[in-house]
Amino acid sequence: MTKQKTLWRWWAKALGEKASESDRESDTIACIRTLIFVSYLVTNCFIVAGVIRHWNDVPNTVIEKRQ
């Protein structure tokens, strides 16, 4: 078995149990699960980036003293 097939097999098993007896169908479902995982990862990165960007985001207001 080639290294690429071995890595794909490990990744597919990490995503969850085998969805079907057919290898082709299981690979298709693993691809769909991978796309879902990537969308979650990208969304999470944007959320974290927004939180970091607005960390300690205090408006700078100047209070003038009247005399």
Protein backbone atom coordinates (compact mmCIF):
# COMPACT_ATOMS: atom_id res chain seq x y z
CA MET A 1 0.00 0.00 0.00
CA THR A 2 1.38 3.40 -0.92
CA LYS A 3 1.99 6.09 1.64
CA GLN A 4 -0.75 8.29 0.16
CA LYS A 5 -3.33 5.50 0.46
CA THR A 6 -2.24 4.82 4.01
CA LEU A 7 -2.57 8.48 4.98
CA TRP A 8 -6.01 8.66 3.33
CA ARG A 9 -7.10 5.52 5.19
CA TRP A 10 -5.96 7.00 8.53
CA TRP A 11 -7.70 10.32 7.80
CA ALA A 12 -10.93 8.55 6.81
CA LYS A 13 -10.85 6.49 10.00
CA ALA A 14 -10.20 9.63 12.05
CA LEU A 15 -13.36 11.18 10.59
CA GLY A 16 -15.49 8.34 11.81
CA GLU A 17 -16.54 4.80 11.13
CA LYS A 18 -16.71 3.41 7.63
CA ALA A 19 -20.02 4.51 6.15
CA SER A 20 -20.55 1.63 3.74
CA GLU A 21 -19.20 -1.71 2.62
CA SER A 22 -18.29 -0.18 -0.74
CA ASP A 23 -14.87 1.52 -0.72
CA ARG A 24 -15.92 4.05 -3.36
CA GLU A 25 -19.00 5.12 -1.40
CA SER A 26 -17.01 5.30 1.83
CA ASP A 27 -14.38 7.48 0.13
CA THR A 28 -17.09 9.83 -1.16
CA ILE A 29 -18.58 10.16 2.31
CA ALA A 30 -15.10 10.73 3.77
CA CYS A 31 -14.61 13.57 1.24
CA ILE A 32 -17.90 15.15 2.30
CA ARG A 33 -16.91 14.84 5.97
CA THR A 34 -13.56 16.44 5.12
CA LEU A 35 -15.31 19.40 3.46
CA ILE A 36 -17.53 19.84 6.52
CA PHE A 37 -14.47 19.71 8.79
CA VAL A 38 -12.62 22.30 6.67
CA SER A 39 -15.64 24.63 6.73
CA TYR A 40 -15.79 24.34 10.53
CA LEU A 41 -12.06 25.02 10.75
CA VAL A 42 -12.22 28.11 8.51
CA THR A 43 -15.24 29.47 10.40
CA ASN A 44 -13.46 28.95 13.71
CA CYS A 45 -10.36 30.76 12.41
CA PHE A 46 -12.48 33.78 11.43
CA ILE A 47 -14.17 33.83 14.83
CA VAL A 48 -10.83 33.66 16.65
CA ALA A 49 -9.35 36.36 14.38
CA GLY A 50 -12.30 38.64 15.16
CA VAL A 51 -11.91 38.08 18.88
CA ILE A 52 -8.17 38.80 18.73
CA ARG A 53 -8.77 41.90 16.59
CA HIS A 54 -11.24 43.36 19.08
CA TRP A 55 -9.36 42.32 22.21
CA ASN A 56 -9.23 45.29 24.63
CA ASP A 57 -11.06 47.40 22.06
CA VAL A 58 -11.94 50.35 24.25
CA PRO A 59 -13.17 53.52 22.56
CA ASN A 60 -10.84 56.45 23.12
CA THR A 61 -13.00 59.30 24.33
CA VAL A 62 -11.51 62.54 25.52
CA ILE A 63 -13.32 64.31 28.32
CA GLU A 64 -12.70 68.02 28.22
CA LYS A 65 -12.72 69.96 31.43
CA ARG A 66 -14.74 73.18 31.33
CA GLN A 67 -13.36 76.12 33.21
